[in-house]
C-alpha atoms as a PDB file:
ATOM      1  CA  UNK A   1     144.894 132.014  77.982  1.00  0.00           C
ATOM      2  CA  UNK A   2     145.357 135.518  79.314  1.00  0.00           C
ATOM      3  CA  UNK A   3     142.732 138.207  78.760  1.00  0.00           C
ATOM      4  CA  UNK A   4     143.177 141.843  79.710  1.00  0.00           C
ATOM      5  CA  UNK A   5     140.173 143.311  81.481  1.00  0.00           C
ATOM      6  CA  UNK A   6     139.999 146.980  82.414  1.00  0.00           C
ATOM      7  CA  UNK A   7     138.622 148.114  85.754  1.00  0.00           C
ATOM      8  CA  UNK A   8     136.737 151.393  85.902  1.00  0.00           C
ATOM      9  CA  UNK A   9     137.422 153.958  88.638  1.00  0.00           C
ATOM     10  CA  UNK A  10     134.327 152.717  90.525  1.00  0.00           C
ATOM     11  CA  UNK A  11     135.688 149.127  90.532  1.00  0.00           C
ATOM     12  CA  UNK A  12     133.613 147.577  87.764  1.00  0.00           C
ATOM     13  CA  UNK A  13     135.048 145.258  85.169  1.00  0.00           C
ATOM     14  CA  UNK A  14     133.515 143.562  82.149  1.00  0.00           C
ATOM     15  CA  UNK A  15     134.275 140.027  81.060  1.00  0.00           C
ATOM     16  CA  UNK A  16     134.299 139.546  77.291  1.00  0.00           C
ATOM     17  CA  UNK A  17     131.156 137.913  75.898  1.00  0.00           C
ATOM     18  CA  UNK A  18     132.965 134.847  74.518  1.00  0.00           C
ATOM     19  CA  UNK A  19     134.526 134.173  77.945  1.00  0.00           C
ATOM     20  CA  UNK A  20     131.166 134.598  79.717  1.00  0.00           C
ATOM     21  CA  UNK A  21     129.640 132.159  77.240  1.00  0.00           C
ATOM     22  CA  UNK A  22     132.379 129.546  77.816  1.00  0.00           C
ATOM     23  CA  UNK A  23     131.953 129.920  81.586  1.00  0.00           C
ATOM     24  CA  UNK A  24     128.170 129.575  81.400  1.00  0.00           C
ATOM     25  CA  UNK A  25     127.654 133.179  82.486  1.00  0.00           C
ATOM     26  CA  UNK A  26     125.996 134.506  79.326  1.00  0.00           C
ATOM     27  CA  UNK A  27     122.880 135.397  81.343  1.00  0.00           C
ATOM     28  CA  UNK A  28     124.933 136.764  84.242  1.00  0.00           C
ATOM     29  CA  UNK A  29     125.707 135.041  87.499  1.00  0.00           C
ATOM     30  CA  UNK A  30     128.042 134.989  90.452  1.00  0.00           C
ATOM     31  CA  UNK A  31     131.780 134.534  90.371  1.00  0.00           C
ATOM     32  CA  UNK A  32     134.196 134.112  93.253  1.00  0.00           C
ATOM     33  CA  UNK A  33     137.562 135.822  93.498  1.00  0.00           C
ATOM     34  CA  UNK A  34     140.332 134.212  95.498  1.00  0.00           C
ATOM     35  CA  UNK A  35     143.441 136.178  96.334  1.00  0.00           C
ATOM     36  CA  UNK A  36     146.537 133.968  96.171  1.00  0.00           C
ATOM     37  CA  UNK A  37     150.261 134.604  96.466  1.00  0.00           C
ATOM     38  CA  UNK A  38     150.432 134.587  92.660  1.00  0.00           C
ATOM     39  CA  UNK A  39     147.493 136.921  92.042  1.00  0.00           C
ATOM     40  CA  UNK A  40     143.730 136.620  91.829  1.00  0.00           C
ATOM     41  CA  UNK A  41     141.789 133.549  90.697  1.00  0.00           C
ATOM     42  CA  UNK A  42     138.264 134.005  89.336  1.00  0.00           C
ATOM     43  CA  UNK A  43     135.923 130.987  89.544  1.00  0.00           C
ATOM     44  CA  UNK A  44     132.309 130.388  88.655  1.00  0.00           C
ATOM     45  CA  UNK A  45     130.101 128.955  91.396  1.00  0.00           C
ATOM     46  CA  UNK A  46     130.407 125.467  89.855  1.00  0.00           C
ATOM     47  CA  UNK A  47     134.192 125.788  89.673  1.00  0.00           C
ATOM     48  CA  UNK A  48     134.331 127.001  93.296  1.00  0.00           C
ATOM     49  CA  UNK A  49     132.309 123.972  94.442  1.00  0.00           C
ATOM     50  CA  UNK A  50     134.553 121.601  92.462  1.00  0.00           C
ATOM     51  CA  UNK A  51     137.626 123.276  93.958  1.00  0.00           C
ATOM     52  CA  UNK A  52     136.231 122.955  97.501  1.00  0.00           C
ATOM     53  CA  UNK A  53     135.416 119.284  96.897  1.00  0.00           C
ATOM     54  CA  UNK A  54     138.952 118.649  95.655  1.00  0.00           C
ATOM     55  CA  UNK A  55     140.356 120.236  98.822  1.00  0.00           C
ATOM     56  CA  UNK A  56     137.992 118.198 101.024  1.00  0.00           C
ATOM     57  CA  UNK A  57     138.960 115.034  99.179  1.00  0.00           C
ATOM     58  CA  UNK A  58     142.610 115.580 100.128  1.00  0.00           C
ATOM     59  CA  UNK A  59     141.690 115.764 103.810  1.00  0.00           C
ATOM     60  CA  UNK A  60     139.261 112.837 103.820  1.00  0.00           C
ATOM     61  CA  UNK A  61     141.624 110.520 101.974  1.00  0.00           C
ATOM     62  CA  UNK A  62     138.880 109.562  99.499  1.00  0.00           C
ATOM     63  CA  UNK A  63     136.492 108.458 102.274  1.00  0.00           C
ATOM     64  CA  UNK A  64     133.471 110.144 100.708  1.00  0.00           C
ATOM     65  CA  UNK A  65     131.048 108.313 103.018  1.00  0.00           C
ATOM     66  CA  UNK A  66     132.777 109.792 106.060  1.00  0.00           C
ATOM     67  CA  UNK A  67     132.969 113.286 104.524  1.00  0.00           C
ATOM     68  CA  UNK A  68     129.278 113.698 103.750  1.00  0.00           C
ATOM     69  CA  UNK A  69     127.110 116.144 105.647  1.00  0.00           C
ATOM     70  CA  UNK A  70     124.919 113.219 106.711  1.00  0.00           C
ATOM     71  CA  UNK A  71     127.916 111.433 108.249  1.00  0.00           C
ATOM     72  CA  UNK A  72     128.939 114.646 110.017  1.00  0.00           C
ATOM     73  CA  UNK A  73     125.450 115.120 111.498  1.00  0.00           C
ATOM     74  CA  UNK A  74     125.264 111.473 112.572  1.00  0.00           C
ATOM     75  CA  UNK A  75     128.675 111.790 114.222  1.00  0.00           C
ATOM     76  CA  UNK A  76     127.611 114.970 116.070  1.00  0.00           C
ATOM     77  CA  UNK A  77     124.383 113.283 117.243  1.00  0.00           C
ATOM     78  CA  UNK A  78     126.373 110.326 118.563  1.00  0.00           C
ATOM     79  CA  UNK A  79     128.744 112.654 120.403  1.00  0.00           C
ATOM     80  CA  UNK A  80     125.871 114.613 121.953  1.00  0.00           C
ATOM     81  CA  UNK A  81     124.028 111.489 123.066  1.00  0.00           C
ATOM     82  CA  UNK A  82     120.975 111.994 120.841  1.00  0.00           C
END
């Protein structure tokens, strides 16, 4: 789906109410913009987290136990001799 959104001279844009509702932003909230070679991607915070997790999953080869923050901290403690 493609939706045209106008940007005012001061840089503001409004997302249509039905889109905000579908994205869970009916009461407002943060969105993240990512500039790509193809254009700009807009993500909600939840979508940004899911995207980051998908990227991390590619680099950890599905070893979730090794990719956790707890595993990282334990590894750093071992390296530092704690």
